[in-house]
N, C-alpha and C. Protein backbone atom coordinates (compact mmCIF):
# COMPACT_ATOMS: atom_id res chain seq x y z
N MET A 1 242.58 133.72 84.10
CA MET A 1 241.73 133.66 84.01
C MET A 1 241.07 133.56 82.54
N ILE A 2 240.26 132.41 82.15
CA ILE A 2 239.96 132.42 81.16
C ILE A 2 238.57 133.77 80.74
N CYS A 3 238.36 134.63 79.98
CA CYS A 3 237.28 135.05 79.18
C CYS A 3 237.13 134.46 78.11
N GLU A 4 235.61 134.67 77.91
CA GLU A 4 235.22 133.45 76.69
C GLU A 4 234.97 134.53 75.49
N ASP A 5 235.07 135.51 75.65
CA ASP A 5 235.11 136.70 74.53
C ASP A 5 235.88 138.10 74.95
N VAL A 6 236.03 138.76 73.69
CA VAL A 6 236.90 139.90 74.19
C VAL A 6 236.62 140.76 74.43
N SER A 7 235.16 141.14 74.74
CA SER A 7 234.71 142.45 75.83
C SER A 7 234.99 142.18 76.90
N SER A 8 234.77 140.39 77.71
CA SER A 8 235.42 140.48 78.81
C SER A 8 236.72 140.70 79.34
N PHE A 9 237.55 140.02 78.04
CA PHE A 9 238.52 139.83 78.45
C PHE A 9 239.23 141.39 78.31
N LEU A 10 238.88 142.19 77.54
CA LEU A 10 239.18 144.18 77.50
C LEU A 10 239.08 144.21 79.00
N GLY A 11 237.91 144.31 79.72
CA GLY A 11 237.83 144.46 81.18
C GLY A 11 238.89 143.75 81.94
N ASN A 12 239.67 143.13 82.21
CA ASN A 12 240.59 142.08 82.53
C ASN A 12 242.00 142.63 82.69
N VAL A 13 242.23 142.77 81.07
CA VAL A 13 243.00 143.74 80.87
C VAL A 13 244.15 145.13 81.48
N PRO A 14 245.03 145.43 81.59
CA PRO A 14 245.44 146.87 81.64
C PRO A 14 244.78 147.71 80.51
N ALA A 15 244.73 149.23 80.53
CA ALA A 15 244.20 149.79 79.19
C ALA A 15 245.68 149.55 78.56
N PHE A 16 246.40 149.56 79.02
CA PHE A 16 248.32 149.45 77.75
C PHE A 16 249.03 148.55 78.44
N GLY A 17 249.74 147.60 77.32
CA GLY A 17 250.66 147.05 77.52
C GLY A 17 250.45 145.72 76.37
N ALA A 18 251.57 145.09 75.98
CA ALA A 18 251.54 144.27 74.80
C ALA A 18 250.87 143.15 75.16
N LEU A 19 250.15 142.69 74.25
CA LEU A 19 249.42 141.17 74.24
C LEU A 19 250.36 140.43 73.25
N ALA A 20 249.64 139.08 73.57
CA ALA A 20 250.74 137.58 72.62
C ALA A 20 249.34 137.38 72.42
N GLY A 21 249.76 136.79 70.87
CA GLY A 21 248.66 135.77 69.90
C GLY A 21 249.58 134.39 70.25
N LEU A 22 248.81 133.28 69.96
CA LEU A 22 249.35 132.18 69.84
C LEU A 22 248.21 131.27 69.15
N ASP A 23 249.27 130.75 68.22
CA ASP A 23 248.86 129.34 67.32
C ASP A 23 249.37 128.47 67.51
N LEU A 24 248.36 127.91 68.09
CA LEU A 24 248.79 126.14 69.13
C LEU A 24 248.57 125.24 68.08
N GLY A 25 249.94 124.54 67.53
CA GLY A 25 249.79 123.25 66.30
C GLY A 25 249.97 122.16 67.44
N THR A 26 250.00 121.09 66.96
CA THR A 26 250.45 119.82 67.52
C THR A 26 252.27 119.60 67.91
N VAL A 27 252.88 120.18 66.65
CA VAL A 27 254.59 120.09 66.59
C VAL A 27 255.00 121.52 67.47
N THR A 28 254.38 123.00 67.22
CA THR A 28 254.56 124.30 66.98
C THR A 28 253.93 125.08 67.84
N ILE A 29 254.11 125.95 68.37
CA ILE A 29 253.26 127.07 69.15
C ILE A 29 254.10 128.78 68.32
N GLY A 30 252.98 128.98 67.85
CA GLY A 30 253.80 130.15 66.42
C GLY A 30 253.14 131.28 67.97
N VAL A 31 254.30 132.66 68.06
CA VAL A 31 253.95 133.37 68.66
C VAL A 31 253.92 134.55 68.09
N ALA A 32 252.91 135.63 68.59
CA ALA A 32 252.96 136.99 68.07
C ALA A 32 252.89 137.74 69.06
N VAL A 33 253.50 138.99 68.87
CA VAL A 33 253.66 140.05 70.00
C VAL A 33 252.63 141.58 69.54
N SER A 34 252.12 142.34 70.29
CA SER A 34 251.85 143.69 69.87
C SER A 34 252.43 144.74 70.63
N ASP A 35 252.61 145.94 70.00
CA ASP A 35 253.00 146.74 70.66
C ASP A 35 252.25 147.45 71.86
N VAL A 36 252.84 148.15 72.54
CA VAL A 36 251.67 148.16 74.06
C VAL A 36 250.50 149.21 73.80
N MET A 37 250.96 149.99 72.35
CA MET A 37 249.37 150.58 72.30
C MET A 37 248.21 149.62 71.61
N ARG A 38 248.63 148.36 71.12
CA ARG A 38 247.90 147.43 70.45
C ARG A 38 247.30 147.62 69.62
N GLY A 39 247.72 148.46 68.40
CA GLY A 39 247.69 148.51 67.30
C GLY A 39 248.43 147.60 66.19
N VAL A 40 249.33 146.93 66.24
CA VAL A 40 249.85 146.20 65.58
C VAL A 40 250.50 145.26 66.02
N ALA A 41 250.25 143.68 65.64
CA ALA A 41 250.90 142.49 66.02
C ALA A 41 252.32 142.37 64.75
N THR A 42 253.09 142.04 65.98
CA THR A 42 253.98 141.42 65.24
C THR A 42 254.72 139.57 65.52
N PRO A 43 254.87 139.13 63.91
CA PRO A 43 255.17 137.54 64.35
C PRO A 43 256.31 137.51 65.62
N THR A 44 256.90 136.92 65.90
CA THR A 44 257.67 136.76 66.98
C THR A 44 258.61 135.85 67.05
N GLU A 45 258.32 134.35 67.12
CA GLU A 45 258.82 133.24 67.40
C GLU A 45 258.45 131.93 67.34
N THR A 46 258.61 130.76 66.60
CA THR A 46 257.96 129.34 66.99
C THR A 46 258.94 128.60 68.61
N ILE A 47 257.78 128.19 69.36
CA ILE A 47 258.37 127.42 70.03
C ILE A 47 257.79 126.06 69.68
N LYS A 48 259.16 125.16 69.57
CA LYS A 48 258.89 123.85 69.06
C LYS A 48 257.87 122.84 70.29
N ARG A 49 257.19 122.55 70.14
CA ARG A 49 256.62 121.43 71.44
C ARG A 49 256.97 120.42 71.89
N LYS A 50 256.75 120.03 73.09
CA LYS A 50 258.11 118.80 73.80
C LYS A 50 256.51 118.17 75.00
N LYS A 51 256.49 118.88 75.89
CA LYS A 51 255.28 118.45 76.83
C LYS A 51 254.87 119.53 77.28
N PHE A 52 253.86 119.58 77.82
CA PHE A 52 253.12 120.78 78.50
C PHE A 52 254.15 121.65 79.00
N GLY A 53 254.60 121.18 80.21
CA GLY A 53 254.98 121.71 81.07
C GLY A 53 256.26 122.96 80.72
N LEU A 54 256.83 122.23 79.74
CA LEU A 54 258.36 122.69 79.00
C LEU A 54 257.42 124.08 77.93
N ASP A 55 256.37 123.33 77.23
CA ASP A 55 256.02 124.46 76.14
C ASP A 55 255.68 126.12 77.46
N ALA A 56 254.77 125.51 78.57
CA ALA A 56 254.11 126.53 79.28
C ALA A 56 255.16 127.71 79.91
N ALA A 57 256.66 126.70 80.63
CA ALA A 57 257.45 127.51 80.63
C ALA A 57 258.23 128.30 79.79
N ALA A 58 258.30 127.65 78.69
CA ALA A 58 259.04 128.78 77.66
C ALA A 58 257.91 130.11 76.89
N LEU A 59 256.74 129.63 76.98
CA LEU A 59 255.41 130.62 76.88
C LEU A 59 256.04 131.76 78.00
N LEU A 60 255.78 131.39 78.80
CA LEU A 60 255.69 132.03 80.13
C LEU A 60 257.07 133.04 80.10
N ALA A 61 258.19 132.51 80.19
CA ALA A 61 259.84 133.19 80.17
C ALA A 61 259.33 134.36 79.09
N LEU A 62 258.84 134.22 78.06
CA LEU A 62 258.61 135.00 77.00
C LEU A 62 257.94 135.99 77.37
N CYS A 63 256.30 135.33 77.69
CA CYS A 63 255.82 136.54 78.46
C CYS A 63 255.94 137.63 79.33
N GLU A 64 257.27 137.14 80.23
CA GLU A 64 257.75 138.15 81.19
C GLU A 64 258.74 139.05 80.62
N LYS A 65 259.85 138.58 79.61
CA LYS A 65 260.32 139.36 79.19
C LYS A 65 259.99 140.25 77.94
N ARG A 66 258.55 140.05 77.83
CA ARG A 66 258.26 141.43 76.79
C ARG A 66 257.32 141.76 77.50
N GLN A 67 256.71 141.24 79.04
CA GLN A 67 255.98 142.07 79.84
C GLN A 67 254.28 142.20 78.82
N ILE A 68 253.94 141.26 78.80
CA ILE A 68 252.61 140.86 78.11
C ILE A 68 251.81 140.96 79.51
N THR A 69 250.83 141.50 78.82
CA THR A 69 249.42 141.52 79.89
C THR A 69 248.43 140.78 79.49
N GLY A 70 248.65 140.17 78.18
CA GLY A 70 246.95 139.05 78.21
C GLY A 70 247.40 138.27 76.97
N LEU A 71 246.97 136.82 76.83
CA LEU A 71 247.34 136.15 75.81
C LEU A 71 245.38 135.94 74.97
N VAL A 72 246.03 135.76 73.69
CA VAL A 72 244.81 135.54 73.09
C VAL A 72 245.21 134.10 72.15
N LEU A 73 244.11 133.19 72.62
CA LEU A 73 245.09 131.68 71.84
C LEU A 73 243.78 131.43 70.70
N GLY A 74 244.55 131.21 69.53
CA GLY A 74 243.73 130.73 67.72
C GLY A 74 243.08 129.89 68.38
N LEU A 75 241.25 130.29 67.96
CA LEU A 75 240.47 128.99 68.37
C LEU A 75 240.53 128.06 66.97
N PRO A 76 240.93 127.13 66.86
CA PRO A 76 240.98 126.09 65.40
C PRO A 76 239.31 125.59 64.82
N LEU A 77 238.00 126.77 64.97
CA LEU A 77 236.84 126.08 64.60
C LEU A 77 237.03 125.70 63.24
N ASN A 78 235.57 124.82 63.46
CA ASN A 78 235.34 124.14 62.19
C ASN A 78 234.76 124.93 61.15
N MET A 79 235.36 124.55 59.63
CA MET A 79 234.15 126.06 58.75
C MET A 79 233.18 126.28 59.02
N ASP A 80 231.80 125.27 59.54
CA ASP A 80 230.48 125.89 60.10
C ASP A 80 230.50 125.90 61.43
N GLY A 81 231.68 126.46 62.20
CA GLY A 81 231.14 127.63 63.49
C GLY A 81 231.64 126.24 64.49
N SER A 82 231.34 124.93 64.44
CA SER A 82 231.13 124.22 65.40
C SER A 82 232.84 124.07 66.29
N GLU A 83 232.70 123.22 66.76
CA GLU A 83 234.22 122.71 67.74
C GLU A 83 234.33 121.51 67.68
N GLY A 84 235.72 121.24 67.56
CA GLY A 84 236.25 119.97 66.84
C GLY A 84 237.34 119.09 68.01
N PRO A 85 237.96 118.20 67.88
CA PRO A 85 238.85 117.80 68.80
C PRO A 85 240.35 119.05 69.19
N ARG A 86 240.44 119.70 68.02
CA ARG A 86 241.25 120.95 68.13
C ARG A 86 241.07 121.84 68.90
N CYS A 87 239.36 122.21 69.38
CA CYS A 87 239.29 123.09 69.74
C CYS A 87 239.29 122.50 71.35
N GLN A 88 239.34 121.84 71.63
CA GLN A 88 239.16 121.08 72.90
C GLN A 88 240.42 120.84 73.03
N ALA A 89 241.54 120.99 72.53
CA ALA A 89 242.82 120.48 72.68
C ALA A 89 243.45 122.19 73.35
N THR A 90 242.52 122.81 72.37
CA THR A 90 243.41 124.68 72.77
C THR A 90 242.59 124.72 74.01
N ARG A 91 241.05 124.65 74.13
CA ARG A 91 240.54 124.76 75.91
C ARG A 91 241.35 124.01 76.65
N ALA A 92 241.85 123.14 76.38
CA ALA A 92 242.57 122.07 77.55
C ALA A 92 243.98 123.05 77.90
N PHE A 93 244.36 123.16 76.90
CA PHE A 93 245.76 123.91 76.95
C PHE A 93 245.39 125.19 77.90
N ALA A 94 244.37 125.95 77.58
CA ALA A 94 244.20 127.22 78.38
C ALA A 94 243.95 127.05 79.43
N ARG A 95 243.31 126.02 80.14
CA ARG A 95 242.74 125.77 81.72
C ARG A 95 243.79 125.25 82.10
N ASN A 96 245.04 124.56 81.46
CA ASN A 96 246.42 124.29 82.10
C ASN A 96 247.06 125.42 82.68
N LEU A 97 247.14 126.61 81.14
CA LEU A 97 248.06 127.55 81.34
C LEU A 97 247.61 128.34 82.63
N GLU A 98 246.30 128.40 83.01
CA GLU A 98 245.40 129.60 83.16
C GLU A 98 246.16 129.13 84.84
N ARG A 99 246.19 127.76 85.51
CA ARG A 99 246.66 127.32 86.43
C ARG A 99 248.31 127.91 86.98
N LEU A 100 248.77 128.22 85.95
CA LEU A 100 250.38 128.74 86.26
C LEU A 100 250.33 130.43 85.87
N THR A 101 249.44 131.20 85.25
CA THR A 101 249.58 132.42 85.29
C THR A 101 248.42 133.26 85.47
N PRO A 102 248.75 134.79 85.96
CA PRO A 102 247.44 135.37 86.33
C PRO A 102 246.79 136.27 85.02
N LEU A 103 247.43 135.95 84.23
CA LEU A 103 247.52 136.71 82.86
C LEU A 103 245.84 136.17 82.40
N PRO A 104 244.90 137.20 81.98
CA PRO A 104 243.84 137.09 81.48
C PRO A 104 244.04 136.49 79.71
N ILE A 105 243.30 135.34 79.23
CA ILE A 105 243.43 134.37 78.14
C ILE A 105 242.06 134.76 77.66
N THR A 106 241.96 134.92 76.76
CA THR A 106 240.82 134.79 75.51
C THR A 106 241.13 133.72 74.16
N TYR A 107 240.20 133.66 73.58
CA TYR A 107 240.32 132.98 72.56
C TYR A 107 239.76 133.90 71.12
N TRP A 108 240.20 134.08 69.96
CA TRP A 108 239.85 134.36 68.56
C TRP A 108 239.65 133.48 67.50
N ASP A 109 239.03 133.32 67.11
CA ASP A 109 238.45 132.44 65.42
C ASP A 109 239.83 132.50 64.45
N GLU A 110 240.11 131.66 64.70
CA GLU A 110 241.74 131.30 63.84
C GLU A 110 241.24 130.62 62.04
N ARG A 111 239.79 130.39 61.93
CA ARG A 111 239.82 129.99 60.99
C ARG A 111 240.28 130.77 59.42
N LEU A 112 240.95 129.72 58.68
CA LEU A 112 241.77 130.11 57.83
C LEU A 112 243.29 131.32 57.64
N SER A 113 243.61 131.36 59.27
CA SER A 113 244.99 132.18 59.27
C SER A 113 245.60 131.64 58.94
N THR A 114 246.22 130.47 58.54
CA THR A 114 247.30 130.00 58.16
C THR A 114 247.00 129.91 56.65
N VAL A 115 245.91 129.69 56.18
CA VAL A 115 245.67 130.32 54.88
C VAL A 115 246.13 131.72 54.09
N ALA A 116 245.77 132.60 54.99
CA ALA A 116 246.11 133.80 54.78
C ALA A 116 247.59 134.61 54.79
N ALA A 117 248.41 133.82 56.00
CA ALA A 117 249.58 133.61 56.17
C ALA A 117 250.53 132.88 54.89
N THR A 118 250.19 132.05 54.54
CA THR A 118 250.62 131.29 53.45
C THR A 118 250.77 131.88 52.23
N ARG A 119 249.32 133.01 52.17
CA ARG A 119 249.13 133.70 50.67
C ARG A 119 250.09 134.71 50.54
N ALA A 120 250.11 135.62 52.06
CA ALA A 120 251.09 136.64 52.52
C ALA A 120 252.49 136.07 51.72
N LEU A 121 253.23 135.21 52.78
CA LEU A 121 254.28 134.62 52.52
C LEU A 121 254.55 134.44 50.72
N LEU A 122 253.64 133.88 49.90
CA LEU A 122 253.78 133.55 48.84
C LEU A 122 253.93 134.88 47.99
N GLU A 123 253.02 135.83 48.43
CA GLU A 123 253.23 137.05 47.48
C GLU A 123 254.18 137.75 47.83
N ALA A 124 255.20 137.57 49.05
CA ALA A 124 256.39 138.44 49.38
C ALA A 124 257.59 137.33 48.98
N ASP A 125 257.09 136.22 48.25
CA ASP A 125 258.06 135.76 47.28
C ASP A 125 258.97 134.94 48.25
N THR A 126 258.73 134.51 49.40
CA THR A 126 259.30 133.52 50.55
C THR A 126 259.55 132.19 50.04
N SER A 127 260.69 131.60 49.85
CA SER A 127 261.24 130.39 49.79
C SER A 127 260.51 129.47 50.60
N ARG A 128 260.17 128.07 49.97
CA ARG A 128 259.40 127.38 50.53
C ARG A 128 260.00 126.93 52.24
N LYS A 129 261.02 126.90 52.17
CA LYS A 129 261.92 126.36 53.56
C LYS A 129 261.88 127.77 54.58
N ARG A 130 261.84 129.04 54.06
CA ARG A 130 261.67 129.71 54.77
C ARG A 130 259.94 129.97 55.45
N ARG A 131 259.47 129.85 54.46
CA ARG A 131 257.60 129.52 54.86
C ARG A 131 257.56 128.44 55.52
N ALA A 132 258.35 127.50 55.70
CA ALA A 132 258.14 126.36 56.67
C ALA A 132 258.71 126.81 58.29
N GLU A 133 259.41 127.76 57.98
CA GLU A 133 260.31 128.03 59.31
C GLU A 133 259.55 129.48 60.19
N VAL A 134 258.50 130.11 59.43
CA VAL A 134 257.59 131.04 59.75
C VAL A 134 256.46 131.25 59.68
N ILE A 135 255.84 130.33 59.05
CA ILE A 135 254.17 130.11 59.15
C ILE A 135 253.89 129.79 60.08
N ASP A 136 253.84 129.50 61.30
CA ASP A 136 253.36 129.43 62.58
C ASP A 136 253.44 130.77 63.56
N HIS A 137 254.76 131.53 63.42
CA HIS A 137 254.33 132.61 64.23
C HIS A 137 253.55 134.08 63.25
N VAL A 138 253.68 133.38 61.96
CA VAL A 138 253.04 134.88 60.92
C VAL A 138 251.67 134.41 61.16
N ALA A 139 250.90 132.87 60.93
CA ALA A 139 249.74 132.80 61.72
C ALA A 139 249.07 133.39 62.99
N ALA A 140 250.27 133.40 63.81
CA ALA A 140 249.87 133.82 65.10
C ALA A 140 249.46 135.60 64.86
N ALA A 141 250.35 136.10 64.17
CA ALA A 141 250.09 137.32 64.25
C ALA A 141 248.88 137.74 63.43
N TYR A 142 248.23 137.19 62.53
CA TYR A 142 246.92 137.16 61.98
C TYR A 142 245.93 136.84 63.19
N ILE A 143 246.03 135.90 63.84
CA ILE A 143 245.51 135.94 64.84
C ILE A 143 244.82 136.88 65.81
N LEU A 144 246.39 137.17 66.57
CA LEU A 144 246.54 138.85 67.10
C LEU A 144 245.96 139.73 66.45
N GLN A 145 246.02 140.16 65.50
CA GLN A 145 246.14 141.28 64.66
C GLN A 145 244.68 141.33 64.65
N GLY A 146 243.71 140.33 64.48
CA GLY A 146 242.05 140.21 64.27
C GLY A 146 241.85 140.58 65.45
N ALA A 147 242.31 140.53 67.21
CA ALA A 147 241.83 140.70 67.96
C ALA A 147 242.01 142.47 68.36
N LEU A 148 243.22 142.66 67.94
CA LEU A 148 243.54 143.91 68.33
C LEU A 148 242.51 144.75 67.41
N ASP A 149 242.29 144.30 66.40
CA ASP A 149 241.29 145.10 65.47
C ASP A 149 239.97 145.33 65.86
N ARG A 150 239.55 144.12 66.67
CA ARG A 150 238.27 143.91 67.00
C ARG A 150 238.34 144.95 68.23
N ILE A 151 239.40 145.25 69.04
CA ILE A 151 239.43 145.63 70.69
C ILE A 151 239.45 147.40 70.21
N THR A 152 240.21 147.64 69.27
CA THR A 152 240.24 148.99 68.46
C THR A 152 238.34 149.34 68.22
N HIS A 153 237.82 148.88 67.99
CA HIS A 153 236.67 148.94 67.23
C HIS A 153 235.70 149.18 68.49
N MET A 154 235.84 148.13 69.51
CA MET A 154 235.24 148.27 70.77
C MET A 154 235.29 149.35 71.74
N LYS A 155 236.64 149.98 71.33
CA LYS A 155 237.00 151.03 72.49
C LYS A 155 236.47 152.61 71.47
N ALA A 156 236.55 152.38 70.13
CA ALA A 156 236.24 153.33 69.23
C ALA A 156 234.50 153.95 69.56
N ASN A 157 233.96 152.40 69.72
CA ASN A 157 232.10 152.42 69.80
C ASN A 157 231.37 151.68 71.09
N PRO A 158 231.74 152.36 71.76
CA PRO A 158 231.45 151.54 73.35
C PRO A 158 229.94 151.32 73.22
């Protein structure tokens, strides 16, 4: 089930349980996972993309292993808020994934998430090689943390 906004997503996931955040790229999928209380997003892994069937199988296996209750996909909006080809590709991925899993899926604006992740890794004095290895799942953590913070705010201010 695809939920266009976080409020409808929140109504379709259990009150507790880990969520996964995805940073969909053309070459990789960065994955981050929250704790069951949905307070903190942790960078988890990067899946090397092959073709949709294999990508989805790897992703769903991770979801089963981690007992994921919902998915948050980074939506790569243009800086002016409009949707371009990358958004269309993300929405197509979500529609195809929806056919394979009952997990609720929502989107989160991912503008500048990779920039923020890169800045954090630079501040941590991470080598160029290591940054290249982890940037996608660190960006996924920024995406997921944004959604988690919004969910926490919505619960505190109904």
